[in-house]
N, C-alpha and C. Protein backbone atom coordinates (compact mmCIF):
# COMPACT_ATOMS: atom_id res chain seq x y z
N UNK A 1 355.60 -38.84 93.41
CA UNK A 1 354.30 -39.25 93.94
C UNK A 1 354.07 -38.96 95.41
N UNK A 2 355.25 -38.94 96.07
CA UNK A 2 355.17 -38.64 97.53
C UNK A 2 354.80 -37.24 97.77
N UNK A 3 355.16 -36.28 96.99
CA UNK A 3 354.76 -34.83 97.03
C UNK A 3 353.29 -34.79 96.90
N UNK A 4 352.72 -35.46 95.92
CA UNK A 4 351.24 -35.44 95.68
C UNK A 4 350.50 -35.96 96.91
N UNK A 5 351.06 -36.98 97.53
CA UNK A 5 350.44 -37.59 98.75
C UNK A 5 350.45 -36.64 99.91
N UNK A 6 351.63 -35.92 100.02
CA UNK A 6 351.75 -34.94 101.11
C UNK A 6 350.82 -33.79 100.95
N UNK A 7 350.58 -33.35 99.67
CA UNK A 7 349.67 -32.33 99.40
C UNK A 7 348.23 -32.66 99.69
N UNK A 8 347.87 -33.98 99.42
CA UNK A 8 346.51 -34.44 99.66
C UNK A 8 346.18 -34.40 101.15
N UNK A 9 347.16 -34.35 102.06
CA UNK A 9 346.94 -34.38 103.51
C UNK A 9 346.52 -33.01 103.95
N UNK A 10 346.83 -31.97 103.24
CA UNK A 10 346.37 -30.59 103.58
C UNK A 10 344.89 -30.46 103.39
N UNK A 11 344.21 -29.94 104.39
CA UNK A 11 342.75 -29.84 104.34
C UNK A 11 342.45 -28.63 103.36
N UNK A 12 341.98 -28.96 102.21
CA UNK A 12 341.52 -27.94 101.20
C UNK A 12 340.18 -28.25 100.81
N UNK A 13 339.26 -27.27 100.78
CA UNK A 13 337.81 -27.54 100.57
C UNK A 13 337.52 -27.71 99.07
N UNK A 14 338.04 -28.77 98.49
CA UNK A 14 337.72 -29.05 97.18
C UNK A 14 337.08 -30.47 97.17
N UNK A 15 335.91 -30.58 96.55
CA UNK A 15 335.25 -31.91 96.60
C UNK A 15 336.07 -33.12 95.93
N UNK A 16 336.51 -34.03 96.71
CA UNK A 16 337.16 -35.14 96.17
C UNK A 16 338.69 -34.79 95.90
N UNK A 17 339.10 -33.66 96.25
CA UNK A 17 340.49 -33.27 96.03
C UNK A 17 340.76 -33.27 94.52
N UNK A 18 339.83 -33.05 93.73
CA UNK A 18 339.97 -33.18 92.23
C UNK A 18 340.89 -32.04 91.75
N UNK A 19 341.93 -32.35 91.12
CA UNK A 19 342.96 -31.44 90.53
C UNK A 19 344.10 -31.08 91.42
N UNK A 20 343.97 -31.26 92.77
CA UNK A 20 345.08 -30.85 93.70
C UNK A 20 346.27 -31.86 93.44
N UNK A 21 345.96 -33.12 93.44
CA UNK A 21 347.04 -34.10 93.33
C UNK A 21 347.67 -34.01 91.99
N UNK A 22 346.85 -33.87 90.89
CA UNK A 22 347.36 -33.70 89.60
C UNK A 22 348.30 -32.53 89.33
N UNK A 23 347.85 -31.44 89.95
CA UNK A 23 348.56 -30.17 89.86
C UNK A 23 349.90 -30.26 90.52
N UNK A 24 349.90 -30.90 91.77
CA UNK A 24 351.17 -30.93 92.48
C UNK A 24 352.06 -31.95 91.87
N UNK A 25 351.59 -33.08 91.32
CA UNK A 25 352.48 -34.03 90.63
C UNK A 25 353.01 -33.52 89.38
N UNK A 26 352.23 -32.75 88.63
CA UNK A 26 352.63 -32.16 87.27
C UNK A 26 353.77 -31.18 87.65
N UNK A 27 353.53 -30.30 88.77
CA UNK A 27 354.56 -29.36 89.04
C UNK A 27 355.95 -30.03 89.46
N UNK A 28 355.82 -31.06 90.28
CA UNK A 28 356.99 -31.76 90.66
C UNK A 28 357.66 -32.40 89.48
N UNK A 29 357.03 -32.95 88.59
CA UNK A 29 357.64 -33.55 87.48
C UNK A 29 358.33 -32.49 86.60
N UNK A 30 357.64 -31.35 86.43
CA UNK A 30 358.18 -30.19 85.59
C UNK A 30 359.51 -29.76 86.30
N UNK A 31 359.45 -29.80 87.63
CA UNK A 31 360.68 -29.39 88.43
C UNK A 31 361.88 -30.25 88.17
N UNK A 32 361.62 -31.59 87.90
CA UNK A 32 362.62 -32.51 87.53
C UNK A 32 362.87 -32.68 85.99
N UNK A 33 362.50 -31.52 85.26
CA UNK A 33 362.79 -31.35 83.80
C UNK A 33 361.97 -32.37 82.92
N UNK A 34 360.90 -32.81 83.34
CA UNK A 34 359.98 -33.62 82.48
C UNK A 34 359.09 -32.58 81.78
N UNK A 35 359.01 -32.62 80.46
CA UNK A 35 358.12 -31.65 79.75
C UNK A 35 356.67 -31.66 80.18
N UNK A 36 356.04 -30.55 80.16
CA UNK A 36 354.65 -30.47 80.64
C UNK A 36 353.69 -31.21 79.67
N UNK A 37 354.06 -31.38 78.42
CA UNK A 37 353.28 -32.18 77.54
C UNK A 37 353.30 -33.62 77.97
N UNK A 38 354.15 -34.07 78.73
CA UNK A 38 354.29 -35.43 79.21
C UNK A 38 353.82 -35.56 80.61
N UNK A 39 354.10 -34.58 81.49
CA UNK A 39 353.91 -34.74 82.85
C UNK A 39 352.36 -34.58 83.21
N UNK A 40 351.69 -33.73 82.48
CA UNK A 40 350.27 -33.53 82.79
C UNK A 40 349.46 -34.74 82.43
N UNK A 41 349.51 -35.34 81.19
CA UNK A 41 348.86 -36.55 81.02
C UNK A 41 349.21 -37.74 81.90
N UNK A 42 350.55 -37.80 82.17
CA UNK A 42 351.02 -38.79 83.12
C UNK A 42 350.26 -38.61 84.50
N UNK A 43 350.17 -37.51 85.01
CA UNK A 43 349.55 -37.30 86.36
C UNK A 43 348.05 -37.68 86.31
N UNK A 44 347.39 -37.26 85.16
CA UNK A 44 345.99 -37.64 85.06
C UNK A 44 345.84 -39.16 84.88
N UNK A 45 346.62 -39.77 84.12
CA UNK A 45 346.54 -41.16 83.89
C UNK A 45 346.82 -41.96 85.23
N UNK A 46 347.83 -41.43 85.96
CA UNK A 46 348.10 -42.07 87.25
C UNK A 46 346.88 -41.99 88.26
N UNK A 47 346.13 -40.85 88.19
CA UNK A 47 344.99 -40.59 89.04
C UNK A 47 343.94 -41.59 88.58
N UNK A 48 343.70 -41.74 87.26
CA UNK A 48 342.69 -42.68 86.69
C UNK A 48 342.98 -44.07 87.15
N UNK A 49 344.24 -44.48 86.94
CA UNK A 49 344.60 -45.83 87.30
C UNK A 49 344.47 -46.17 88.81
N UNK A 50 344.84 -45.22 89.64
CA UNK A 50 344.80 -45.50 91.09
C UNK A 50 343.41 -45.39 91.60
N UNK A 51 342.49 -44.61 90.91
CA UNK A 51 341.16 -44.48 91.40
C UNK A 51 340.21 -45.69 90.87
N UNK A 52 340.44 -45.99 89.63
CA UNK A 52 339.56 -47.07 88.99
C UNK A 52 339.97 -48.42 89.35
N UNK A 53 341.24 -48.62 89.29
CA UNK A 53 341.78 -49.96 89.55
C UNK A 53 342.31 -50.03 91.02
N UNK A 54 341.51 -49.67 91.89
CA UNK A 54 342.04 -49.62 93.38
C UNK A 54 341.82 -51.01 93.98
N UNK A 55 342.75 -51.97 93.46
CA UNK A 55 342.74 -53.27 93.94
C UNK A 55 344.08 -53.58 94.49
N UNK A 56 344.25 -54.18 95.73
CA UNK A 56 345.50 -54.44 96.37
C UNK A 56 346.37 -55.27 95.52
N UNK A 57 347.68 -55.34 95.81
CA UNK A 57 348.58 -56.12 95.05
C UNK A 57 348.19 -57.65 95.05
N UNK A 58 347.44 -58.08 96.05
CA UNK A 58 347.08 -59.50 95.97
C UNK A 58 346.10 -59.85 95.03
N UNK A 59 345.34 -58.77 94.45
CA UNK A 59 344.35 -59.02 93.51
C UNK A 59 342.95 -59.31 94.07
N UNK A 60 342.81 -59.24 95.40
CA UNK A 60 341.60 -59.49 96.14
C UNK A 60 340.89 -58.11 96.35
N UNK A 61 339.77 -57.97 95.76
CA UNK A 61 339.08 -56.74 96.04
C UNK A 61 338.40 -56.75 97.43
N UNK A 62 338.37 -55.59 98.07
CA UNK A 62 337.89 -55.45 99.42
C UNK A 62 336.66 -54.48 99.47
N UNK A 63 335.77 -54.69 100.36
CA UNK A 63 334.69 -53.77 100.49
C UNK A 63 335.15 -52.52 101.27
N UNK A 64 334.27 -51.56 101.42
CA UNK A 64 334.55 -50.34 102.22
C UNK A 64 335.00 -50.71 103.69
N UNK A 65 334.43 -51.75 104.20
CA UNK A 65 334.77 -52.12 105.64
C UNK A 65 336.06 -52.93 105.77
N UNK A 66 336.67 -53.21 104.61
CA UNK A 66 337.92 -53.98 104.70
C UNK A 66 337.70 -55.52 104.61
N UNK A 67 336.48 -55.89 104.59
CA UNK A 67 336.16 -57.36 104.44
C UNK A 67 336.38 -57.86 102.95
N UNK A 68 336.86 -59.04 102.83
CA UNK A 68 337.10 -59.59 101.48
C UNK A 68 335.75 -59.90 100.76
N UNK A 69 335.71 -59.57 99.53
CA UNK A 69 334.45 -59.96 98.72
C UNK A 69 334.59 -61.45 98.31
N UNK A 70 333.43 -62.07 98.36
CA UNK A 70 333.49 -63.54 98.02
C UNK A 70 333.26 -63.73 96.47
C-alpha cells in the first residue's frame, strides 16, 4: 500500500487518479507472487473501501473542513 501512496504523489493528469493507485498496487502484489486474479480485485476493493468508507478510526465522520458532524 505504501507504493501506491507514493505513486499517487506524482503529478499525473488523470482525473481523480483513477486507475493509477490500482495499477501500482496490483503490480506490487504481483511482484510479491500474488496471482493477478487475486491482486487486481483486491486493489479495486481496497480503493472502494477507502473511498466509500472514509471514516476515521474513531468512527466520527468529519466535514471537508475537518469539523465534526453533529
